[in-house]
Amino acid sequence: MATINIKTNFKDVQNSLDKLSTSLQQKVVPAALNKVIAKANTTMVREITTEFNIKANEVRSNLRMIRAQRDFSRWYAKLDPFAKNKKGRGLNLIRFTENKVSLAEGRRRARSGTRQDLRFQIKRGAGKKTIKGAFIGNQGRTVFARTGKDRLPIKALITIDVPQMFNTRRINRKVIARINAEMQVEFDRAIKAALLGTFK
């Protein structure tokens, strides 16, 4: 699932819309869809940052909300994780590198000879992982590893990125559940606003 599509193919929603004039539907549908896609976006950011060791602003910058549009006779809105057009690219492990450690832990590692090993934490609450031989280069911007015993060649170490986090099944299920829960609510609100003439 590359994107999350929100359509008006909910039976109860459609029954409500069928009772409205075409002119009112043209106000109600985009208003409701835009509210739902905004809530889906908020839920996606929260779920990703809860599970993965990444900041909310980093997630938001990768998400794009495609507000309500009409394709022939069908309205839709989308939540797209490729705002930065980075299909097929992951995050370098530098993003998840441990950047501080307690004095006691530093001493313990020094005694065990593991002080120079790089440690990474991708998921919150999970243990840190160590990759033997990994090192930081490119003026501190990239984690590399040698592909053999010689000094060269080397390769950048890449891991999961925001689009892949977006498409994690358990996260997707929670976002879809939010959409399902909010769809009728937002359509009812939009219909009420349209009938009362209180659209802003």
N, C-alpha and C. Protein backbone atom coordinates (compact mmCIF):
# COMPACT_ATOMS: atom_id res chain seq x y z
N MET A 1 0.86 -1.19 0.00
CA MET A 1 0.00 0.00 0.00
C MET A 1 0.89 1.24 0.00
N ALA A 2 1.01 1.88 -1.15
CA ALA A 2 1.87 3.05 -1.24
C ALA A 2 1.22 4.29 -0.65
N THR A 3 -0.09 4.41 -0.79
CA THR A 3 -0.82 5.55 -0.24
C THR A 3 -2.08 5.04 0.45
N ILE A 4 -2.71 5.90 1.24
CA ILE A 4 -4.02 5.60 1.81
C ILE A 4 -5.04 6.45 1.08
N ASN A 5 -6.00 5.79 0.45
CA ASN A 5 -7.04 6.47 -0.30
C ASN A 5 -8.33 6.51 0.51
N ILE A 6 -8.94 7.66 0.58
CA ILE A 6 -10.22 7.80 1.26
C ILE A 6 -11.27 8.15 0.22
N LYS A 7 -12.27 7.29 0.11
CA LYS A 7 -13.34 7.50 -0.86
C LYS A 7 -14.68 7.54 -0.13
N THR A 8 -15.68 7.98 -0.84
CA THR A 8 -17.02 8.10 -0.22
C THR A 8 -17.84 6.84 -0.44
N ASN A 9 -17.18 5.69 -0.43
CA ASN A 9 -17.90 4.44 -0.67
C ASN A 9 -18.33 3.77 0.63
N PHE A 10 -18.82 4.57 1.57
CA PHE A 10 -19.38 4.09 2.81
C PHE A 10 -20.90 4.10 2.66
N LYS A 11 -21.55 3.01 2.92
CA LYS A 11 -22.99 2.89 2.67
C LYS A 11 -23.78 3.97 3.40
N ASP A 12 -23.53 4.15 4.70
CA ASP A 12 -24.28 5.15 5.47
C ASP A 12 -24.01 6.56 4.96
N VAL A 13 -22.76 6.82 4.59
CA VAL A 13 -22.40 8.13 4.05
C VAL A 13 -23.14 8.38 2.75
N GLN A 14 -23.13 7.38 1.88
CA GLN A 14 -23.80 7.55 0.59
C GLN A 14 -25.30 7.74 0.76
N ASN A 15 -25.90 7.03 1.70
CA ASN A 15 -27.33 7.20 1.95
C ASN A 15 -27.64 8.63 2.39
N SER A 16 -26.74 9.19 3.22
CA SER A 16 -26.93 10.57 3.67
C SER A 16 -26.78 11.55 2.52
N LEU A 17 -25.79 11.29 1.66
CA LEU A 17 -25.54 12.19 0.53
C LEU A 17 -26.67 12.16 -0.49
N ASP A 18 -27.27 11.00 -0.66
CA ASP A 18 -28.34 10.86 -1.65
C ASP A 18 -29.54 11.74 -1.32
N LYS A 19 -29.64 12.15 -0.07
CA LYS A 19 -30.77 12.99 0.34
C LYS A 19 -30.51 14.47 0.09
N LEU A 20 -29.27 14.79 -0.32
CA LEU A 20 -28.91 16.19 -0.53
C LEU A 20 -28.92 16.56 -2.01
N SER A 21 -29.08 17.82 -2.27
CA SER A 21 -29.00 18.31 -3.64
C SER A 21 -27.56 18.24 -4.12
N THR A 22 -27.38 18.28 -5.42
CA THR A 22 -26.02 18.23 -5.99
C THR A 22 -25.17 19.38 -5.48
N SER A 23 -25.75 20.56 -5.38
CA SER A 23 -24.99 21.72 -4.93
C SER A 23 -24.52 21.56 -3.49
N LEU A 24 -25.37 20.97 -2.63
CA LEU A 24 -24.95 20.74 -1.24
C LEU A 24 -23.89 19.65 -1.16
N GLN A 25 -24.05 18.62 -1.97
CA GLN A 25 -23.04 17.55 -1.98
C GLN A 25 -21.67 18.10 -2.35
N GLN A 26 -21.63 19.07 -3.26
CA GLN A 26 -20.35 19.64 -3.68
C GLN A 26 -19.68 20.44 -2.57
N LYS A 27 -20.45 20.83 -1.57
CA LYS A 27 -19.88 21.49 -0.39
C LYS A 27 -19.53 20.47 0.69
N VAL A 28 -20.43 19.53 0.89
CA VAL A 28 -20.29 18.58 2.00
C VAL A 28 -19.12 17.62 1.79
N VAL A 29 -19.04 17.02 0.61
CA VAL A 29 -18.05 15.96 0.39
C VAL A 29 -16.61 16.44 0.58
N PRO A 30 -16.18 17.50 -0.08
CA PRO A 30 -14.78 17.92 0.14
C PRO A 30 -14.52 18.39 1.56
N ALA A 31 -15.50 19.04 2.18
CA ALA A 31 -15.31 19.50 3.57
C ALA A 31 -15.08 18.31 4.50
N ALA A 32 -15.90 17.28 4.36
CA ALA A 32 -15.77 16.10 5.22
C ALA A 32 -14.50 15.33 4.93
N LEU A 33 -14.20 15.12 3.65
CA LEU A 33 -13.00 14.37 3.29
C LEU A 33 -11.73 15.06 3.79
N ASN A 34 -11.70 16.37 3.69
CA ASN A 34 -10.51 17.10 4.15
C ASN A 34 -10.33 16.98 5.66
N LYS A 35 -11.41 16.95 6.41
CA LYS A 35 -11.32 16.73 7.86
C LYS A 35 -10.81 15.33 8.16
N VAL A 36 -11.30 14.35 7.43
CA VAL A 36 -10.91 12.96 7.68
C VAL A 36 -9.45 12.74 7.32
N ILE A 37 -9.01 13.28 6.19
CA ILE A 37 -7.61 13.07 5.79
C ILE A 37 -6.67 13.76 6.76
N ALA A 38 -7.08 14.89 7.32
CA ALA A 38 -6.25 15.58 8.32
C ALA A 38 -6.12 14.73 9.58
N LYS A 39 -7.21 14.10 9.99
CA LYS A 39 -7.17 13.23 11.17
C LYS A 39 -6.33 11.98 10.90
N ALA A 40 -6.42 11.46 9.68
CA ALA A 40 -5.61 10.31 9.30
C ALA A 40 -4.13 10.67 9.35
N ASN A 41 -3.79 11.85 8.89
CA ASN A 41 -2.41 12.32 8.91
C ASN A 41 -1.89 12.44 10.34
N THR A 42 -2.71 13.01 11.22
CA THR A 42 -2.32 13.15 12.63
C THR A 42 -2.09 11.78 13.27
N THR A 43 -2.98 10.84 12.98
CA THR A 43 -2.85 9.49 13.54
C THR A 43 -1.61 8.80 13.01
N MET A 44 -1.33 8.96 11.72
CA MET A 44 -0.15 8.34 11.13
C MET A 44 1.12 8.86 11.79
N VAL A 45 1.22 10.17 11.97
CA VAL A 45 2.41 10.75 12.62
C VAL A 45 2.56 10.20 14.03
N ARG A 46 1.46 10.17 14.78
CA ARG A 46 1.51 9.69 16.16
C ARG A 46 1.92 8.22 16.22
N GLU A 47 1.36 7.39 15.37
CA GLU A 47 1.66 5.95 15.42
C GLU A 47 3.11 5.67 15.01
N ILE A 48 3.60 6.37 14.00
CA ILE A 48 4.99 6.16 13.57
C ILE A 48 5.96 6.58 14.65
N THR A 49 5.73 7.75 15.24
CA THR A 49 6.67 8.24 16.27
C THR A 49 6.55 7.47 17.57
N THR A 50 5.42 6.81 17.79
CA THR A 50 5.28 5.95 18.97
C THR A 50 6.09 4.68 18.81
N GLU A 51 6.12 4.14 17.61
CA GLU A 51 6.80 2.87 17.38
C GLU A 51 8.27 3.03 17.01
N PHE A 52 8.58 4.07 16.25
CA PHE A 52 9.95 4.24 15.75
C PHE A 52 10.63 5.44 16.40
N ASN A 53 11.94 5.36 16.49
CA ASN A 53 12.75 6.39 17.13
C ASN A 53 13.00 7.55 16.16
N ILE A 54 11.94 8.28 15.88
CA ILE A 54 11.99 9.37 14.91
C ILE A 54 11.09 10.48 15.38
N LYS A 55 11.43 11.72 15.06
CA LYS A 55 10.66 12.86 15.53
C LYS A 55 9.47 13.16 14.63
N ALA A 56 8.46 13.78 15.22
CA ALA A 56 7.22 14.06 14.49
C ALA A 56 7.46 14.95 13.28
N ASN A 57 8.33 15.96 13.41
CA ASN A 57 8.54 16.86 12.27
C ASN A 57 9.22 16.15 11.11
N GLU A 58 10.02 15.11 11.39
CA GLU A 58 10.64 14.33 10.32
C GLU A 58 9.60 13.50 9.58
N VAL A 59 8.62 13.00 10.33
CA VAL A 59 7.55 12.23 9.69
C VAL A 59 6.66 13.15 8.86
N ARG A 60 6.26 14.27 9.45
CA ARG A 60 5.36 15.20 8.74
C ARG A 60 5.96 15.67 7.43
N SER A 61 7.26 15.89 7.41
CA SER A 61 7.89 16.41 6.20
C SER A 61 7.88 15.39 5.07
N ASN A 62 7.64 14.12 5.40
CA ASN A 62 7.57 13.07 4.39
C ASN A 62 6.14 12.76 3.95
N LEU A 63 5.16 13.26 4.68
CA LEU A 63 3.77 12.96 4.37
C LEU A 63 3.15 14.11 3.58
N ARG A 64 2.34 13.74 2.61
CA ARG A 64 1.64 14.74 1.81
C ARG A 64 0.15 14.41 1.82
N MET A 65 -0.64 15.38 2.21
CA MET A 65 -2.08 15.22 2.16
C MET A 65 -2.59 15.75 0.83
N ILE A 66 -3.22 14.89 0.06
CA ILE A 66 -3.86 15.31 -1.18
C ILE A 66 -5.33 15.55 -0.85
N ARG A 67 -5.68 16.80 -0.76
CA ARG A 67 -7.02 17.17 -0.33
C ARG A 67 -8.08 16.74 -1.34
N ALA A 68 -9.33 16.83 -0.94
CA ALA A 68 -10.46 16.30 -1.71
C ALA A 68 -10.42 16.75 -3.17
N GLN A 69 -10.51 15.77 -4.04
CA GLN A 69 -10.57 16.00 -5.48
C GLN A 69 -11.67 15.13 -6.08
N ARG A 70 -12.04 15.48 -7.28
CA ARG A 70 -13.09 14.71 -7.95
C ARG A 70 -12.54 14.08 -9.21
N ASP A 71 -12.73 12.77 -9.32
CA ASP A 71 -12.30 12.02 -10.49
C ASP A 71 -13.57 11.48 -11.15
N PHE A 72 -14.02 12.15 -12.21
CA PHE A 72 -15.29 11.84 -12.84
C PHE A 72 -16.41 12.03 -11.82
N SER A 73 -17.05 10.96 -11.39
CA SER A 73 -18.19 11.11 -10.47
C SER A 73 -17.81 10.78 -9.03
N ARG A 74 -16.54 10.47 -8.77
CA ARG A 74 -16.13 10.01 -7.44
C ARG A 74 -15.17 11.01 -6.78
N TRP A 75 -15.47 11.33 -5.54
CA TRP A 75 -14.59 12.16 -4.73
C TRP A 75 -13.58 11.29 -4.00
N TYR A 76 -12.39 11.82 -3.76
CA TYR A 76 -11.39 11.08 -3.00
C TYR A 76 -10.39 12.05 -2.39
N ALA A 77 -9.67 11.55 -1.38
CA ALA A 77 -8.54 12.27 -0.79
C ALA A 77 -7.47 11.22 -0.50
N LYS A 78 -6.21 11.64 -0.40
CA LYS A 78 -5.13 10.68 -0.21
C LYS A 78 -4.13 11.15 0.83
N LEU A 79 -3.50 10.17 1.46
CA LEU A 79 -2.36 10.41 2.33
C LEU A 79 -1.18 9.68 1.71
N ASP A 80 -0.18 10.45 1.30
CA ASP A 80 0.92 9.93 0.51
C ASP A 80 2.23 10.07 1.29
N PRO A 81 3.02 8.98 1.44
CA PRO A 81 4.27 9.06 2.21
C PRO A 81 5.48 9.46 1.37
N PHE A 82 5.26 9.84 0.13
CA PHE A 82 6.39 10.16 -0.75
C PHE A 82 6.47 11.64 -1.08
N ALA A 83 6.22 12.49 -0.08
CA ALA A 83 6.28 13.93 -0.31
C ALA A 83 7.66 14.37 -0.79
N LYS A 84 8.69 13.65 -0.37
CA LYS A 84 10.05 14.01 -0.76
C LYS A 84 10.54 13.24 -1.99
N ASN A 85 9.62 12.46 -2.59
CA ASN A 85 9.95 11.70 -3.80
C ASN A 85 11.18 10.82 -3.61
N LYS A 86 11.22 10.07 -2.49
CA LYS A 86 12.38 9.24 -2.19
C LYS A 86 12.06 7.76 -2.35
N LYS A 87 11.30 7.41 -3.36
CA LYS A 87 10.94 6.01 -3.55
C LYS A 87 12.19 5.16 -3.73
N GLY A 88 12.20 4.05 -2.98
CA GLY A 88 13.30 3.11 -3.09
C GLY A 88 14.53 3.47 -2.28
N ARG A 89 14.47 4.55 -1.53
CA ARG A 89 15.62 4.95 -0.72
C ARG A 89 15.26 4.84 0.76
N GLY A 90 16.25 4.43 1.55
CA GLY A 90 16.02 4.30 2.98
C GLY A 90 16.80 5.36 3.74
N LEU A 91 16.67 5.33 5.05
CA LEU A 91 17.41 6.24 5.91
C LEU A 91 18.75 5.62 6.27
N ASN A 92 19.79 6.41 6.23
CA ASN A 92 21.08 5.90 6.69
C ASN A 92 21.02 5.69 8.20
N LEU A 93 21.77 4.72 8.68
CA LEU A 93 21.76 4.40 10.11
C LEU A 93 22.26 5.53 10.99
N ILE A 94 22.89 6.55 10.40
CA ILE A 94 23.34 7.68 11.21
C ILE A 94 22.16 8.30 11.95
N ARG A 95 20.97 8.20 11.33
CA ARG A 95 19.76 8.78 11.93
C ARG A 95 19.42 8.10 13.25
N PHE A 96 19.84 6.85 13.45
CA PHE A 96 19.46 6.09 14.63
C PHE A 96 20.66 5.74 15.51
N THR A 97 21.77 6.43 15.28
CA THR A 97 22.99 6.14 16.04
C THR A 97 22.89 6.70 17.46
N GLU A 98 23.30 5.90 18.41
CA GLU A 98 23.37 6.35 19.80
C GLU A 98 24.31 7.55 19.89
N ASN A 99 23.84 8.63 20.51
CA ASN A 99 24.68 9.83 20.57
C ASN A 99 25.09 10.23 21.98
N LYS A 100 24.64 9.48 22.98
CA LYS A 100 25.12 9.74 24.34
C LYS A 100 24.99 8.48 25.17
N VAL A 101 25.81 8.38 26.19
CA VAL A 101 25.83 7.20 27.05
C VAL A 101 26.26 7.64 28.44
N SER A 102 25.79 6.93 29.44
CA SER A 102 26.16 7.30 30.81
C SER A 102 27.64 7.03 31.05
N LEU A 103 28.19 7.70 32.05
CA LEU A 103 29.59 7.52 32.40
C LEU A 103 29.88 6.08 32.80
N ALA A 104 28.97 5.50 33.58
CA ALA A 104 29.15 4.12 34.03
C ALA A 104 29.15 3.16 32.86
N GLU A 105 28.24 3.38 31.89
CA GLU A 105 28.19 2.49 30.72
C GLU A 105 29.43 2.67 29.87
N GLY A 106 29.89 3.91 29.76
CA GLY A 106 31.12 4.15 29.00
C GLY A 106 32.31 3.41 29.59
N ARG A 107 32.40 3.39 30.92
CA ARG A 107 33.49 2.67 31.59
C ARG A 107 33.36 1.18 31.38
N ARG A 108 32.11 0.68 31.44
CA ARG A 108 31.89 -0.76 31.25
C ARG A 108 32.33 -1.17 29.85
N ARG A 109 31.99 -0.36 28.86
CA ARG A 109 32.36 -0.68 27.49
C ARG A 109 33.87 -0.60 27.29
N ALA A 110 34.49 0.36 27.97
CA ALA A 110 35.95 0.49 27.86
C ALA A 110 36.63 -0.77 28.40
N ARG A 111 36.12 -1.28 29.53
CA ARG A 111 36.70 -2.49 30.12
C ARG A 111 36.50 -3.70 29.22
N SER A 112 35.36 -3.74 28.52
CA SER A 112 35.06 -4.91 27.68
C SER A 112 35.62 -4.77 26.27
N GLY A 113 36.22 -3.61 25.97
CA GLY A 113 36.81 -3.41 24.65
C GLY A 113 35.78 -3.12 23.56
N THR A 114 34.58 -2.68 23.93
CA THR A 114 33.52 -2.44 22.94
C THR A 114 33.16 -0.95 22.85
N ARG A 115 33.99 -0.11 23.40
CA ARG A 115 33.67 1.32 23.45
C ARG A 115 33.53 1.94 22.07
N GLN A 116 34.30 1.46 21.10
CA GLN A 116 34.28 2.04 19.76
C GLN A 116 33.17 1.50 18.87
N ASP A 117 32.47 0.47 19.32
CA ASP A 117 31.39 -0.10 18.51
C ASP A 117 30.21 0.87 18.42
N LEU A 118 29.67 1.04 17.22
CA LEU A 118 28.50 1.89 17.04
C LEU A 118 27.24 1.13 17.40
N ARG A 119 26.34 1.81 18.09
CA ARG A 119 25.08 1.20 18.50
C ARG A 119 23.91 1.99 17.94
N PHE A 120 22.84 1.28 17.58
CA PHE A 120 21.71 1.90 16.91
C PHE A 120 20.40 1.48 17.58
N GLN A 121 19.44 2.38 17.59
CA GLN A 121 18.11 2.05 18.10
C GLN A 121 17.07 2.60 17.11
N ILE A 122 16.42 1.69 16.39
CA ILE A 122 15.44 2.07 15.38
C ILE A 122 14.04 2.13 15.97
N LYS A 123 13.71 1.17 16.83
CA LYS A 123 12.38 1.14 17.45
C LYS A 123 12.47 1.59 18.90
N ARG A 124 11.50 2.37 19.32
CA ARG A 124 11.45 2.80 20.71
C ARG A 124 11.16 1.59 21.60
N GLY A 125 11.83 1.54 22.73
CA GLY A 125 11.60 0.45 23.67
C GLY A 125 12.37 -0.81 23.34
N ALA A 126 12.99 -0.86 22.17
CA ALA A 126 13.77 -2.04 21.79
C ALA A 126 15.22 -1.85 22.22
N GLY A 127 15.92 -2.95 22.35
CA GLY A 127 17.31 -2.86 22.72
C GLY A 127 18.16 -2.29 21.60
N LYS A 128 19.29 -1.70 21.94
CA LYS A 128 20.20 -1.16 20.94
C LYS A 128 20.92 -2.30 20.24
N LYS A 129 21.16 -2.11 18.96
CA LYS A 129 21.87 -3.12 18.17
C LYS A 129 23.27 -2.61 17.83
N THR A 130 24.22 -3.52 17.81
CA THR A 130 25.60 -3.19 17.49
C THR A 130 25.99 -3.81 16.16
N ILE A 131 26.65 -3.05 15.32
CA ILE A 131 27.16 -3.58 14.06
C ILE A 131 28.68 -3.48 14.10
N LYS A 132 29.33 -4.61 14.20
CA LYS A 132 30.78 -4.65 14.28
C LYS A 132 31.40 -4.08 13.01
N GLY A 133 32.36 -3.22 13.18
CA GLY A 133 33.08 -2.67 12.04
C GLY A 133 32.44 -1.46 11.40
N ALA A 134 31.22 -1.10 11.82
CA ALA A 134 30.57 0.09 11.26
C ALA A 134 31.32 1.33 11.72
N PHE A 135 31.36 2.32 10.85
CA PHE A 135 32.05 3.57 11.22
C PHE A 135 31.35 4.75 10.55
N ILE A 136 31.61 5.93 11.10
CA ILE A 136 30.98 7.15 10.60
C ILE A 136 31.95 7.90 9.70
N GLY A 137 31.46 8.31 8.53
CA GLY A 137 32.26 9.07 7.58
C GLY A 137 31.44 10.19 6.97
N ASN A 138 31.92 10.71 5.85
CA ASN A 138 31.20 11.77 5.13
C ASN A 138 30.92 12.95 6.05
N GLN A 139 31.96 13.33 6.79
CA GLN A 139 31.87 14.48 7.71
C GLN A 139 30.73 14.30 8.74
N GLY A 140 30.62 13.07 9.24
CA GLY A 140 29.66 12.78 10.29
C GLY A 140 28.23 12.59 9.83
N ARG A 141 28.01 12.46 8.52
CA ARG A 141 26.65 12.37 8.00
C ARG A 141 26.21 10.96 7.64
N THR A 142 27.16 9.99 7.58
CA THR A 142 26.83 8.68 7.05
C THR A 142 27.54 7.57 7.83
N VAL A 143 26.82 6.47 8.06
CA VAL A 143 27.42 5.27 8.64
C VAL A 143 27.78 4.33 7.50
N PHE A 144 29.02 3.84 7.52
CA PHE A 144 29.51 2.94 6.49
C PHE A 144 29.97 1.62 7.12
N ALA A 145 30.17 0.62 6.25
CA ALA A 145 30.83 -0.63 6.64
C ALA A 145 31.65 -1.09 5.45
N ARG A 146 32.77 -1.73 5.72
CA ARG A 146 33.60 -2.28 4.64
C ARG A 146 32.97 -3.57 4.14
N THR A 147 33.06 -3.79 2.85
CA THR A 147 32.44 -4.98 2.27
C THR A 147 33.38 -6.19 2.29
N GLY A 148 34.63 -5.97 2.67
CA GLY A 148 35.59 -7.06 2.76
C GLY A 148 36.64 -6.75 3.80
N LYS A 149 37.77 -7.41 3.72
CA LYS A 149 38.83 -7.20 4.69
C LYS A 149 39.67 -5.97 4.37
N ASP A 150 39.65 -5.54 3.12
CA ASP A 150 40.45 -4.38 2.73
C ASP A 150 39.76 -3.08 3.16
N ARG A 151 40.53 -2.00 3.10
CA ARG A 151 40.02 -0.69 3.49
C ARG A 151 38.87 -0.25 2.58
N LEU A 152 38.97 -0.59 1.33
CA LEU A 152 37.92 -0.30 0.34
C LEU A 152 37.58 -1.59 -0.40
N PRO A 153 36.36 -1.71 -0.94
CA PRO A 153 35.27 -0.71 -0.97
C PRO A 153 34.46 -0.69 0.33
N ILE A 154 33.65 0.35 0.45
CA ILE A 154 32.75 0.48 1.59
C ILE A 154 31.33 0.69 1.08
N LYS A 155 30.36 0.49 1.95
CA LYS A 155 28.96 0.73 1.57
C LYS A 155 28.25 1.47 2.70
N ALA A 156 27.32 2.33 2.33
CA ALA A 156 26.49 3.02 3.31
C ALA A 156 25.47 2.03 3.88
N LEU A 157 25.21 2.11 5.17
CA LEU A 157 24.27 1.20 5.82
C LEU A 157 22.90 1.87 5.89
N ILE A 158 21.94 1.27 5.20
CA ILE A 158 20.61 1.83 5.04
C ILE A 158 19.59 0.99 5.79
N THR A 159 18.58 1.65 6.35
CA THR A 159 17.52 0.93 7.06
C THR A 159 16.17 1.50 6.65
N ILE A 160 15.15 1.13 7.38
CA ILE A 160 13.78 1.52 7.09
C ILE A 160 13.63 3.04 7.03
N ASP A 161 12.80 3.52 6.10
CA ASP A 161 12.54 4.96 6.00
C ASP A 161 11.08 5.24 6.31
N VAL A 162 10.68 6.51 6.24
CA VAL A 162 9.32 6.89 6.62
C VAL A 162 8.26 6.21 5.75
N PRO A 163 8.39 6.13 4.42
CA PRO A 163 7.39 5.41 3.64
C PRO A 163 7.21 3.96 4.07
N GLN A 164 8.30 3.30 4.44
CA GLN A 164 8.18 1.91 4.91
C GLN A 164 7.51 1.85 6.28
N MET A 165 7.82 2.82 7.14
CA MET A 165 7.12 2.90 8.42
C MET A 165 5.63 3.12 8.19
N PHE A 166 5.32 4.00 7.25
CA PHE A 166 3.94 4.31 6.86
C PHE A 166 3.19 3.03 6.49
N ASN A 167 3.87 2.14 5.80
CA ASN A 167 3.21 0.93 5.30
C ASN A 167 3.35 -0.28 6.21
N THR A 168 3.82 -0.07 7.43
CA THR A 168 3.81 -1.16 8.41
C THR A 168 2.36 -1.55 8.69
N ARG A 169 2.06 -2.80 8.62
CA ARG A 169 0.66 -3.25 8.68
C ARG A 169 -0.06 -2.78 9.93
N ARG A 170 0.57 -2.94 11.09
CA ARG A 170 -0.12 -2.59 12.33
C ARG A 170 -0.39 -1.08 12.41
N ILE A 171 0.52 -0.27 11.85
CA ILE A 171 0.29 1.17 11.83
C ILE A 171 -0.82 1.50 10.85
N ASN A 172 -0.79 0.89 9.67
CA ASN A 172 -1.83 1.12 8.68
C ASN A 172 -3.21 0.75 9.22
N ARG A 173 -3.28 -0.36 9.96
CA ARG A 173 -4.58 -0.79 10.50
C ARG A 173 -5.16 0.26 11.44
N LYS A 174 -4.30 0.86 12.26
CA LYS A 174 -4.78 1.87 13.21
C LYS A 174 -5.25 3.13 12.48
N VAL A 175 -4.55 3.50 11.42
CA VAL A 175 -4.95 4.68 10.67
C VAL A 175 -6.27 4.43 9.94
N ILE A 176 -6.40 3.26 9.32
CA ILE A 176 -7.65 2.91 8.64
C ILE A 176 -8.80 2.87 9.63
N ALA A 177 -8.55 2.34 10.83
CA ALA A 177 -9.60 2.30 11.86
C ALA A 177 -10.04 3.71 12.23
N ARG A 178 -9.09 4.64 12.31
CA ARG A 178 -9.44 6.05 12.60
C ARG A 178 -10.29 6.63 11.49
N ILE A 179 -9.94 6.32 10.26
CA ILE A 179 -10.72 6.81 9.12
C ILE A 179 -12.14 6.27 9.18
N ASN A 180 -12.26 4.98 9.44
CA ASN A 180 -13.59 4.36 9.51
C ASN A 180 -14.43 4.95 10.64
N ALA A 181 -13.77 5.28 11.75
CA ALA A 181 -14.49 5.83 12.90
C ALA A 181 -14.92 7.27 12.66
N GLU A 182 -14.15 8.01 11.90
CA GLU A 182 -14.40 9.44 11.73
C GLU A 182 -15.23 9.79 10.49
N MET A 183 -15.31 8.88 9.54
CA MET A 183 -15.96 9.20 8.27
C MET A 183 -17.40 9.69 8.46
N GLN A 184 -18.23 8.87 9.12
CA GLN A 184 -19.62 9.26 9.30
C GLN A 184 -19.75 10.50 10.18
N VAL A 185 -18.89 10.60 11.18
CA VAL A 185 -18.92 11.76 12.09
C VAL A 185 -18.70 13.05 11.32
N GLU A 186 -17.69 13.09 10.48
CA GLU A 186 -17.36 14.30 9.75
C GLU A 186 -18.38 14.61 8.66
N PHE A 187 -18.96 13.57 8.05
CA PHE A 187 -20.00 13.83 7.06
C PHE A 187 -21.26 14.38 7.73
N ASP A 188 -21.59 13.84 8.89
CA ASP A 188 -22.76 14.37 9.60
C ASP A 188 -22.55 15.83 9.97
N ARG A 189 -21.35 16.17 10.42
CA ARG A 189 -21.05 17.56 10.77
C ARG A 189 -21.12 18.47 9.54
N ALA A 190 -20.57 17.99 8.43
CA ALA A 190 -20.57 18.79 7.21
C ALA A 190 -21.99 18.98 6.67
N ILE A 191 -22.78 17.94 6.76
CA ILE A 191 -24.18 18.04 6.31
C ILE A 191 -24.94 19.04 7.16
N LYS A 192 -24.73 18.96 8.46
CA LYS A 192 -25.40 19.90 9.37
C LYS A 192 -24.99 21.34 9.06
N ALA A 193 -23.70 21.55 8.84
CA ALA A 193 -23.20 22.90 8.54
C ALA A 193 -23.78 23.41 7.22
N ALA A 194 -23.89 22.50 6.23
CA ALA A 194 -24.42 22.90 4.94
C ALA A 194 -25.90 23.29 5.05
N LEU A 195 -26.65 22.49 5.79
CA LEU A 195 -28.09 22.77 5.93
C LEU A 195 -28.33 24.03 6.73
N LEU A 196 -27.45 24.33 7.69
CA LEU A 196 -27.62 25.53 8.51
C LEU A 196 -26.96 26.75 7.88
N GLY A 197 -26.21 26.51 6.80
CA GLY A 197 -25.52 27.61 6.12
C GLY A 197 -24.39 28.18 6.93
N THR A 198 -23.72 27.32 7.72
CA THR A 198 -22.65 27.82 8.60
C THR A 198 -21.25 27.44 8.11
N PHE A 199 -21.11 27.02 6.84
CA PHE A 199 -19.78 26.76 6.30
C PHE A 199 -18.94 28.03 6.35
N LYS A 200 -17.68 27.88 6.75
CA LYS A 200 -16.80 29.04 6.78
C LYS A 200 -16.11 29.20 5.42
